[in-house]
Amino acid sequence: MKHIKLDDISYLVMRNERDALNMEELNEAWTDYFKDFDYILGDYAYGKLRLKGFNSKTNKNFKAINDIDKVDEYLEKYCAYQCRYFLISKDNNEGV
């Protein structure tokens, strides 16, 4: 799996549908808000990157609206049909 870094945090690229991951655009859209999420979904709507954070149930900040188990449902309901998207997750094995 491919690794990327955002603000010194290592992430694994879990999905990269239709070659959606563009590091330049991701760095422009990235804010500290996303640091507490276990997963980040990036999708393109009208040519613009949108980011959404998700967590596993073990994360202290877990809320049902951000449940990673519902990422496919989110893609189906809130993203354009067959849109370009990527999913990255924090690399919990970094430094092991």
PDB file of N, CA and C in Angstrom:
ATOM      1  N   MET A   1       0.836  -1.185   0.000  1.00  0.00           N
ATOM      2  CA  MET A   1       0.000   0.000   0.000  1.00  0.00           C
ATOM      3  C   MET A   1       0.879   1.247   0.000  1.00  0.00           C
ATOM      4  N   LYS A   2       0.386   2.251  -0.655  1.00  0.00           N
ATOM      5  CA  LYS A   2       1.104   3.516  -0.737  1.00  0.00           C
ATOM      6  C   LYS A   2       0.948   4.295   0.572  1.00  0.00           C
ATOM      7  N   HIS A   3       2.028   4.943   1.006  1.00  0.00           N
ATOM      8  CA  HIS A   3       2.025   5.803   2.185  1.00  0.00           C
ATOM      9  C   HIS A   3       2.142   7.262   1.746  1.00  0.00           C
ATOM     10  N   ILE A   4       1.452   8.128   2.470  1.00  0.00           N
ATOM     11  CA  ILE A   4       1.596   9.572   2.256  1.00  0.00           C
ATOM     12  C   ILE A   4       1.737  10.227   3.627  1.00  0.00           C
ATOM     13  N   LYS A   5       2.211  11.457   3.660  1.00  0.00           N
ATOM     14  CA  LYS A   5       2.324  12.218   4.914  1.00  0.00           C
ATOM     15  C   LYS A   5       1.585  13.536   4.788  1.00  0.00           C
ATOM     16  N   LEU A   6       0.841  13.864   5.834  1.00  0.00           N
ATOM     17  CA  LEU A   6       0.138  15.139   5.952  1.00  0.00           C
ATOM     18  C   LEU A   6       0.430  15.679   7.349  1.00  0.00           C
ATOM     19  N   ASP A   7       1.033  16.822   7.441  1.00  0.00           N
ATOM     20  CA  ASP A   7       1.378  17.416   8.740  1.00  0.00           C
ATOM     21  C   ASP A   7       2.103  16.410   9.643  1.00  0.00           C
ATOM     22  N   ASP A   8       3.083  15.723   9.098  1.00  0.00           N
ATOM     23  CA  ASP A   8       3.894  14.745   9.835  1.00  0.00           C
ATOM     24  C   ASP A   8       3.104  13.544  10.343  1.00  0.00           C
ATOM     25  N   ILE A   9       1.926  13.307   9.821  1.00  0.00           N
ATOM     26  CA  ILE A   9       1.152  12.117  10.147  1.00  0.00           C
ATOM     27  C   ILE A   9       1.181  11.215   8.922  1.00  0.00           C
ATOM     28  N   SER A  10       1.511   9.957   9.138  1.00  0.00           N
ATOM     29  CA  SER A  10       1.584   8.996   8.040  1.00  0.00           C
ATOM     30  C   SER A  10       0.215   8.362   7.803  1.00  0.00           C
ATOM     31  N   TYR A  11      -0.166   8.280   6.537  1.00  0.00           N
ATOM     32  CA  TYR A  11      -1.441   7.682   6.137  1.00  0.00           C
ATOM     33  C   TYR A  11      -1.193   6.606   5.088  1.00  0.00           C
ATOM     34  N   LEU A  12      -2.068   5.616   5.077  1.00  0.00           N
ATOM     35  CA  LEU A  12      -2.080   4.581   4.044  1.00  0.00           C
ATOM     36  C   LEU A  12      -3.204   4.900   3.063  1.00  0.00           C
ATOM     37  N   VAL A  13      -2.933   4.738   1.792  1.00  0.00           N
ATOM     38  CA  VAL A  13      -3.964   4.935   0.771  1.00  0.00           C
ATOM     39  C   VAL A  13      -4.730   3.622   0.643  1.00  0.00           C
ATOM     40  N   MET A  14      -5.970   3.618   1.104  1.00  0.00           N
ATOM     41  CA  MET A  14      -6.812   2.421   1.101  1.00  0.00           C
ATOM     42  C   MET A  14      -7.524   2.231  -0.243  1.00  0.00           C
ATOM     43  N   ARG A  15      -8.001   3.343  -0.789  1.00  0.00           N
ATOM     44  CA  ARG A  15      -8.683   3.331  -2.091  1.00  0.00           C
ATOM     45  C   ARG A  15      -8.241   4.566  -2.864  1.00  0.00           C
ATOM     46  N   ASN A  16      -8.174   4.412  -4.177  1.00  0.00           N
ATOM     47  CA  ASN A  16      -7.838   5.540  -5.054  1.00  0.00           C
ATOM     48  C   ASN A  16      -8.581   5.341  -6.370  1.00  0.00           C
ATOM     49  N   GLU A  17      -9.885   5.530  -6.320  1.00  0.00           N
ATOM     50  CA  GLU A  17     -10.751   5.278  -7.476  1.00  0.00           C
ATOM     51  C   GLU A  17     -10.552   6.322  -8.562  1.00  0.00           C
ATOM     52  N   ARG A  18     -10.281   5.824  -9.742  1.00  0.00           N
ATOM     53  CA  ARG A  18     -10.101   6.672 -10.931  1.00  0.00           C
ATOM     54  C   ARG A  18      -8.957   7.666 -10.730  1.00  0.00           C
ATOM     55  N   ASP A  19      -7.907   7.192 -10.011  1.00  0.00           N
ATOM     56  CA  ASP A  19      -6.686   7.974  -9.797  1.00  0.00           C
ATOM     57  C   ASP A  19      -7.007   9.353  -9.209  1.00  0.00           C
ATOM     58  N   ALA A  20      -7.853   9.368  -8.171  1.00  0.00           N
ATOM     59  CA  ALA A  20      -8.352  10.619  -7.606  1.00  0.00           C
ATOM     60  C   ALA A  20      -7.344  11.351  -6.722  1.00  0.00           C
ATOM     61  N   LEU A  21      -6.423  10.629  -6.104  1.00  0.00           N
ATOM     62  CA  LEU A  21      -5.526  11.265  -5.134  1.00  0.00           C
ATOM     63  C   LEU A  21      -4.530  12.191  -5.814  1.00  0.00           C
ATOM     64  N   ASN A  22      -4.667  13.474  -5.511  1.00  0.00           N
ATOM     65  CA  ASN A  22      -3.776  14.504  -6.021  1.00  0.00           C
ATOM     66  C   ASN A  22      -3.212  15.215  -4.791  1.00  0.00           C
ATOM     67  N   MET A  23      -1.928  15.000  -4.494  1.00  0.00           N
ATOM     68  CA  MET A  23      -1.330  15.518  -3.270  1.00  0.00           C
ATOM     69  C   MET A  23      -1.378  17.042  -3.195  1.00  0.00           C
ATOM     70  N   GLU A  24      -1.208  17.706  -4.317  1.00  0.00           N
ATOM     71  CA  GLU A  24      -1.241  19.171  -4.302  1.00  0.00           C
ATOM     72  C   GLU A  24      -2.617  19.669  -3.858  1.00  0.00           C
ATOM     73  N   GLU A  25      -3.677  19.105  -4.421  1.00  0.00           N
ATOM     74  CA  GLU A  25      -5.033  19.514  -4.055  1.00  0.00           C
ATOM     75  C   GLU A  25      -5.363  19.101  -2.625  1.00  0.00           C
ATOM     76  N   LEU A  26      -4.896  17.927  -2.208  1.00  0.00           N
ATOM     77  CA  LEU A  26      -5.137  17.473  -0.843  1.00  0.00           C
ATOM     78  C   LEU A  26      -4.457  18.400   0.159  1.00  0.00           C
ATOM     79  N   ASN A  27      -3.226  18.774  -0.104  1.00  0.00           N
ATOM     80  CA  ASN A  27      -2.517  19.697   0.801  1.00  0.00           C
ATOM     81  C   ASN A  27      -3.212  21.054   0.879  1.00  0.00           C
ATOM     82  N   GLU A  28      -3.784  21.520  -0.221  1.00  0.00           N
ATOM     83  CA  GLU A  28      -4.510  22.795  -0.223  1.00  0.00           C
ATOM     84  C   GLU A  28      -5.798  22.716   0.594  1.00  0.00           C
ATOM     85  N   ALA A  29      -6.475  21.567   0.557  1.00  0.00           N
ATOM     86  CA  ALA A  29      -7.753  21.408   1.245  1.00  0.00           C
ATOM     87  C   ALA A  29      -7.577  21.007   2.711  1.00  0.00           C
ATOM     88  N   TRP A  30      -6.419  20.505   3.074  1.00  0.00           N
ATOM     89  CA  TRP A  30      -6.157  19.959   4.407  1.00  0.00           C
ATOM     90  C   TRP A  30      -6.159  21.053   5.469  1.00  0.00           C
ATOM     91  N   THR A  31      -6.802  20.777   6.605  1.00  0.00           N
ATOM     92  CA  THR A  31      -6.749  21.651   7.774  1.00  0.00           C
ATOM     93  C   THR A  31      -6.543  20.784   9.014  1.00  0.00           C
ATOM     94  N   ASP A  32      -6.204  21.419  10.118  1.00  0.00           N
ATOM     95  CA  ASP A  32      -6.011  20.694  11.379  1.00  0.00           C
ATOM     96  C   ASP A  32      -7.271  19.959  11.821  1.00  0.00           C
ATOM     97  N   TYR A  33      -8.411  20.387  11.363  1.00  0.00           N
ATOM     98  CA  TYR A  33      -9.690  19.747  11.710  1.00  0.00           C
ATOM     99  C   TYR A  33      -9.648  18.245  11.469  1.00  0.00           C
ATOM    100  N   PHE A  34      -8.950  17.816  10.435  1.00  0.00           N
ATOM    101  CA  PHE A  34      -8.968  16.403  10.037  1.00  0.00           C
ATOM    102  C   PHE A  34      -7.991  15.529  10.820  1.00  0.00           C
ATOM    103  N   LYS A  35      -7.143  16.110  11.653  1.00  0.00           N
ATOM    104  CA  LYS A  35      -6.129  15.339  12.378  1.00  0.00           C
ATOM    105  C   LYS A  35      -6.707  14.312  13.348  1.00  0.00           C
ATOM    106  N   ASP A  36      -7.884  14.559  13.891  1.00  0.00           N
ATOM    107  CA  ASP A  36      -8.473  13.650  14.878  1.00  0.00           C
ATOM    108  C   ASP A  36      -9.219  12.474  14.261  1.00  0.00           C
ATOM    109  N   PHE A  37      -9.358  12.463  12.945  1.00  0.00           N
ATOM    110  CA  PHE A  37     -10.073  11.372  12.284  1.00  0.00           C
ATOM    111  C   PHE A  37      -9.123  10.241  11.916  1.00  0.00           C
ATOM    112  N   ASP A  38      -9.641   9.008  11.988  1.00  0.00           N
ATOM    113  CA  ASP A  38      -8.859   7.829  11.606  1.00  0.00           C
ATOM    114  C   ASP A  38      -8.768   7.681  10.093  1.00  0.00           C
ATOM    115  N   TYR A  39      -9.800   8.127   9.396  1.00  0.00           N
ATOM    116  CA  TYR A  39      -9.903   7.984   7.943  1.00  0.00           C
ATOM    117  C   TYR A  39     -10.337   9.311   7.337  1.00  0.00           C
ATOM    118  N   ILE A  40      -9.850   9.576   6.140  1.00  0.00           N
ATOM    119  CA  ILE A  40     -10.271  10.763   5.396  1.00  0.00           C
ATOM    120  C   ILE A  40     -10.710  10.309   4.006  1.00  0.00           C
ATOM    121  N   LEU A  41     -11.912  10.705   3.639  1.00  0.00           N
ATOM    122  CA  LEU A  41     -12.435  10.437   2.307  1.00  0.00           C
ATOM    123  C   LEU A  41     -12.350  11.732   1.509  1.00  0.00           C
ATOM    124  N   GLY A  42     -11.795  11.661   0.331  1.00  0.00           N
ATOM    125  CA  GLY A  42     -11.765  12.799  -0.576  1.00  0.00           C
ATOM    126  C   GLY A  42     -12.538  12.451  -1.835  1.00  0.00           C
ATOM    127  N   ASP A  43     -13.514  13.267  -2.184  1.00  0.00           N
ATOM    128  CA  ASP A  43     -14.264  13.039  -3.424  1.00  0.00           C
ATOM    129  C   ASP A  43     -14.347  14.337  -4.196  1.00  0.00           C
ATOM    130  N   TYR A  44     -14.612  14.206  -5.479  1.00  0.00           N
ATOM    131  CA  TYR A  44     -14.679  15.373  -6.351  1.00  0.00           C
ATOM    132  C   TYR A  44     -16.119  15.641  -6.767  1.00  0.00           C
ATOM    133  N   ALA A  45     -16.556  16.880  -6.504  1.00  0.00           N
ATOM    134  CA  ALA A  45     -17.875  17.346  -6.921  1.00  0.00           C
ATOM    135  C   ALA A  45     -17.672  18.641  -7.691  1.00  0.00           C
ATOM    136  N   TYR A  46     -18.149  18.679  -8.906  1.00  0.00           N
ATOM    137  CA  TYR A  46     -18.014  19.857  -9.772  1.00  0.00           C
ATOM    138  C   TYR A  46     -16.550  20.276  -9.901  1.00  0.00           C
ATOM    139  N   GLY A  47     -15.659  19.288  -9.977  1.00  0.00           N
ATOM    140  CA  GLY A  47     -14.242  19.543 -10.176  1.00  0.00           C
ATOM    141  C   GLY A  47     -13.496  20.007  -8.938  1.00  0.00           C
ATOM    142  N   LYS A  48     -14.167  20.029  -7.785  1.00  0.00           N
ATOM    143  CA  LYS A  48     -13.538  20.488  -6.547  1.00  0.00           C
ATOM    144  C   LYS A  48     -13.448  19.345  -5.539  1.00  0.00           C
ATOM    145  N   LEU A  49     -12.291  19.269  -4.855  1.00  0.00           N
ATOM    146  CA  LEU A  49     -12.076  18.241  -3.846  1.00  0.00           C
ATOM    147  C   LEU A  49     -12.844  18.579  -2.568  1.00  0.00           C
ATOM    148  N   ARG A  50     -13.600  17.583  -2.084  1.00  0.00           N
ATOM    149  CA  ARG A  50     -14.285  17.706  -0.794  1.00  0.00           C
ATOM    150  C   ARG A  50     -13.698  16.650   0.133  1.00  0.00           C
ATOM    151  N   LEU A  51     -13.496  16.985   1.398  1.00  0.00           N
ATOM    152  CA  LEU A  51     -12.957  16.041   2.373  1.00  0.00           C
ATOM    153  C   LEU A  51     -13.986  15.764   3.455  1.00  0.00           C
ATOM    154  N   LYS A  52     -14.005  14.520   3.936  1.00  0.00           N
ATOM    155  CA  LYS A  52     -14.903  14.109   5.033  1.00  0.00           C
ATOM    156  C   LYS A  52     -14.126  13.159   5.916  1.00  0.00           C
ATOM    157  N   GLY A  53     -14.184  13.377   7.222  1.00  0.00           N
ATOM    158  CA  GLY A  53     -13.495  12.520   8.169  1.00  0.00           C
ATOM    159  C   GLY A  53     -14.394  11.414   8.693  1.00  0.00           C
ATOM    160  N   PHE A  54     -13.785  10.264   8.933  1.00  0.00           N
ATOM    161  CA  PHE A  54     -14.482   9.103   9.506  1.00  0.00           C
ATOM    162  C   PHE A  54     -13.632   8.528  10.629  1.00  0.00           C
ATOM    163  N   ASN A  55     -14.279   7.848  11.579  1.00  0.00           N
ATOM    164  CA  ASN A  55     -13.576   7.207  12.683  1.00  0.00           C
ATOM    165  C   ASN A  55     -14.036   5.771  12.863  1.00  0.00           C
ATOM    166  N   SER A  56     -13.158   4.983  13.454  1.00  0.00           N
ATOM    167  CA  SER A  56     -13.543   3.650  13.888  1.00  0.00           C
ATOM    168  C   SER A  56     -14.235   3.791  15.244  1.00  0.00           C
ATOM    169  N   LYS A  57     -14.943   2.768  15.650  1.00  0.00           N
ATOM    170  CA  LYS A  57     -15.702   2.820  16.905  1.00  0.00           C
ATOM    171  C   LYS A  57     -14.797   2.937  18.128  1.00  0.00           C
ATOM    172  N   THR A  58     -13.527   2.611  18.002  1.00  0.00           N
ATOM    173  CA  THR A  58     -12.601   2.692  19.127  1.00  0.00           C
ATOM    174  C   THR A  58     -12.040   4.098  19.340  1.00  0.00           C
ATOM    175  N   ASN A  59     -12.274   5.015  18.417  1.00  0.00           N
ATOM    176  CA  ASN A  59     -11.785   6.388  18.539  1.00  0.00           C
ATOM    177  C   ASN A  59     -12.632   7.130  19.572  1.00  0.00           C
ATOM    178  N   LYS A  60     -11.963   7.857  20.495  1.00  0.00           N
ATOM    179  CA  LYS A  60     -12.691   8.584  21.543  1.00  0.00           C
ATOM    180  C   LYS A  60     -13.627   9.645  20.976  1.00  0.00           C
ATOM    181  N   ASN A  61     -13.377  10.092  19.743  1.00  0.00           N
ATOM    182  CA  ASN A  61     -14.213  11.106  19.094  1.00  0.00           C
ATOM    183  C   ASN A  61     -15.297  10.493  18.208  1.00  0.00           C
ATOM    184  N   PHE A  62     -15.524   9.190  18.323  1.00  0.00           N
ATOM    185  CA  PHE A  62     -16.488   8.495  17.456  1.00  0.00           C
ATOM    186  C   PHE A  62     -17.892   9.077  17.606  1.00  0.00           C
ATOM    187  N   LYS A  63     -18.522   9.302  16.465  1.00  0.00           N
ATOM    188  CA  LYS A  63     -19.936   9.657  16.383  1.00  0.00           C
ATOM    189  C   LYS A  63     -20.516   8.850  15.233  1.00  0.00           C
ATOM    190  N   ALA A  64     -21.754   8.455  15.344  1.00  0.00           N
ATOM    191  CA  ALA A  64     -22.382   7.604  14.330  1.00  0.00           C
ATOM    192  C   ALA A  64     -22.317   8.219  12.939  1.00  0.00           C
ATOM    193  N   ILE A  65     -22.394   9.536  12.852  1.00  0.00           N
ATOM    194  CA  ILE A  65     -22.373  10.206  11.547  1.00  0.00           C
ATOM    195  C   ILE A  65     -21.021  10.041  10.844  1.00  0.00           C
ATOM    196  N   ASN A  66     -19.986   9.741  11.607  1.00  0.00           N
ATOM    197  CA  ASN A  66     -18.640   9.584  11.056  1.00  0.00           C
ATOM    198  C   ASN A  66     -18.146   8.144  11.162  1.00  0.00           C
ATOM    199  N   ASP A  67     -19.036   7.184  11.214  1.00  0.00           N
ATOM    200  CA  ASP A  67     -18.688   5.767  11.340  1.00  0.00           C
ATOM    201  C   ASP A  67     -18.075   5.257  10.036  1.00  0.00           C
ATOM    202  N   ILE A  68     -16.839   4.765  10.109  1.00  0.00           N
ATOM    203  CA  ILE A  68     -16.155   4.271   8.906  1.00  0.00           C
ATOM    204  C   ILE A  68     -16.910   3.114   8.275  1.00  0.00           C
ATOM    205  N   ASP A  69     -17.676   2.377   9.063  1.00  0.00           N
ATOM    206  CA  ASP A  69     -18.458   1.269   8.499  1.00  0.00           C
ATOM    207  C   ASP A  69     -19.538   1.755   7.535  1.00  0.00           C
ATOM    208  N   LYS A  70     -19.811   3.063   7.544  1.00  0.00           N
ATOM    209  CA  LYS A  70     -20.845   3.631   6.666  1.00  0.00           C
ATOM    210  C   LYS A  70     -20.261   4.430   5.503  1.00  0.00           C
ATOM    211  N   VAL A  71     -18.965   4.261   5.234  1.00  0.00           N
ATOM    212  CA  VAL A  71     -18.337   5.046   4.170  1.00  0.00           C
ATOM    213  C   VAL A  71     -18.950   4.738   2.800  1.00  0.00           C
ATOM    214  N   ASP A  72     -19.267   3.481   2.527  1.00  0.00           N
ATOM    215  CA  ASP A  72     -19.867   3.139   1.235  1.00  0.00           C
ATOM    216  C   ASP A  72     -21.273   3.721   1.107  1.00  0.00           C
ATOM    217  N   GLU A  73     -22.006   3.745   2.199  1.00  0.00           N
ATOM    218  CA  GLU A  73     -23.334   4.370   2.205  1.00  0.00           C
ATOM    219  C   GLU A  73     -23.203   5.875   1.941  1.00  0.00           C
ATOM    220  N   TYR A  74     -22.202   6.520   2.540  1.00  0.00           N
ATOM    221  CA  TYR A  74     -21.955   7.944   2.315  1.00  0.00           C
ATOM    222  C   TYR A  74     -21.649   8.199   0.836  1.00  0.00           C
ATOM    223  N   LEU A  75     -20.794   7.363   0.261  1.00  0.00           N
ATOM    224  CA  LEU A  75     -20.453   7.519  -1.160  1.00  0.00           C
ATOM    225  C   LEU A  75     -21.699   7.418  -2.031  1.00  0.00           C
ATOM    226  N   GLU A  76     -22.571   6.485  -1.695  1.00  0.00           N
ATOM    227  CA  GLU A  76     -23.781   6.265  -2.491  1.00  0.00           C
ATOM    228  C   GLU A  76     -24.782   7.414  -2.347  1.00  0.00           C
ATOM    229  N   LYS A  77     -24.939   7.928  -1.131  1.00  0.00           N
ATOM    230  CA  LYS A  77     -25.972   8.934  -0.869  1.00  0.00           C
ATOM    231  C   LYS A  77     -25.524  10.370  -1.129  1.00  0.00           C
ATOM    232  N   TYR A  78     -24.258  10.672  -0.853  1.00  0.00           N
ATOM    233  CA  TYR A  78     -23.836  12.069  -0.846  1.00  0.00           C
ATOM    234  C   TYR A  78     -22.796  12.431  -1.905  1.00  0.00           C
ATOM    235  N   CYS A  79     -22.386  11.465  -2.694  1.00  0.00           N
ATOM    236  CA  CYS A  79     -21.382  11.729  -3.727  1.00  0.00           C
ATOM    237  C   CYS A  79     -21.970  11.427  -5.101  1.00  0.00           C
ATOM    238  N   ALA A  80     -21.429  12.054  -6.106  1.00  0.00           N
ATOM    239  CA  ALA A  80     -21.895  11.825  -7.478  1.00  0.00           C
ATOM    240  C   ALA A  80     -21.646  10.378  -7.893  1.00  0.00           C
ATOM    241  N   TYR A  81     -22.525   9.840  -8.686  1.00  0.00           N
ATOM    242  CA  TYR A  81     -22.409   8.470  -9.173  1.00  0.00           C
ATOM    243  C   TYR A  81     -21.074   8.277  -9.874  1.00  0.00           C
ATOM    244  N   GLN A  82     -20.335   7.261  -9.459  1.00  0.00           N
ATOM    245  CA  GLN A  82     -19.027   6.890 -10.015  1.00  0.00           C
ATOM    246  C   GLN A  82     -18.028   8.054  -9.988  1.00  0.00           C
ATOM    247  N   CYS A  83     -18.100   8.850  -8.935  1.00  0.00           N
ATOM    248  CA  CYS A  83     -17.172   9.977  -8.811  1.00  0.00           C
ATOM    249  C   CYS A  83     -15.759   9.468  -8.530  1.00  0.00           C
ATOM    250  N   ARG A  84     -14.808  10.331  -8.787  1.00  0.00           N
ATOM    251  CA  ARG A  84     -13.425  10.061  -8.405  1.00  0.00           C
ATOM    252  C   ARG A  84     -13.335  10.274  -6.895  1.00  0.00           C
ATOM    253  N   TYR A  85     -12.709   9.324  -6.203  1.00  0.00           N
ATOM    254  CA  TYR A  85     -12.545   9.491  -4.762  1.00  0.00           C
ATOM    255  C   TYR A  85     -11.360   8.688  -4.268  1.00  0.00           C
ATOM    256  N   PHE A  86     -10.913   9.058  -3.063  1.00  0.00           N
ATOM    257  CA  PHE A  86      -9.866   8.284  -2.398  1.00  0.00           C
ATOM    258  C   PHE A  86     -10.214   8.174  -0.923  1.00  0.00           C
ATOM    259  N   LEU A  87      -9.639   7.166  -0.280  1.00  0.00           N
ATOM    260  CA  LEU A  87      -9.814   6.943   1.150  1.00  0.00           C
ATOM    261  C   LEU A  87      -8.440   6.665   1.725  1.00  0.00           C
ATOM    262  N   ILE A  88      -8.055   7.455   2.738  1.00  0.00           N
ATOM    263  CA  ILE A  88      -6.772   7.239   3.403  1.00  0.00           C
ATOM    264  C   ILE A  88      -7.042   6.957   4.879  1.00  0.00           C
ATOM    265  N   SER A  89      -6.146   6.197   5.521  1.00  0.00           N
ATOM    266  CA  SER A  89      -6.283   5.901   6.946  1.00  0.00           C
ATOM    267  C   SER A  89      -4.965   6.161   7.637  1.00  0.00           C
ATOM    268  N   LYS A  90      -5.046   6.564   8.893  1.00  0.00           N
ATOM    269  CA  LYS A  90      -3.842   6.767   9.679  1.00  0.00           C
ATOM    270  C   LYS A  90      -3.083   5.457   9.748  1.00  0.00           C
ATOM    271  N   ASP A  91      -1.764   5.557   9.588  1.00  0.00           N
ATOM    272  CA  ASP A  91      -0.899   4.378   9.665  1.00  0.00           C
ATOM    273  C   ASP A  91      -0.552   4.155  11.127  1.00  0.00           C
ATOM    274  N   ASN A  92      -1.281   3.261  11.770  1.00  0.00           N
ATOM    275  CA  ASN A  92      -1.070   2.997  13.184  1.00  0.00           C
ATOM    276  C   ASN A  92       0.189   2.174  13.455  1.00  0.00           C
ATOM    277  N   ASN A  93       0.817   1.660  12.404  1.00  0.00           N
ATOM    278  CA  ASN A  93       2.017   0.862  12.558  1.00  0.00           C
ATOM    279  C   ASN A  93       3.278   1.653  12.316  1.00  0.00           C
ATOM    280  N   GLU A  94       3.156   2.957  12.141  1.00  0.00           N
ATOM    281  CA  GLU A  94       4.311   3.798  11.875  1.00  0.00           C
ATOM    282  C   GLU A  94       5.300   3.694  13.035  1.00  0.00           C
ATOM    283  N   GLY A  95       6.539   3.454  12.687  1.00  0.00           N
ATOM    284  CA  GLY A  95       7.594   3.357  13.689  1.00  0.00           C
ATOM    285  C   GLY A  95       7.695   2.019  14.368  1.00  0.00           C
ATOM    286  N   VAL A  96       6.885   1.024  13.970  1.00  0.00           N
ATOM    287  CA  VAL A  96       6.928  -0.307  14.570  1.00  0.00           C
ATOM    288  C   VAL A  96       7.962  -1.157  13.877  1.00  0.00           C
TER     289      VAL A  96
END
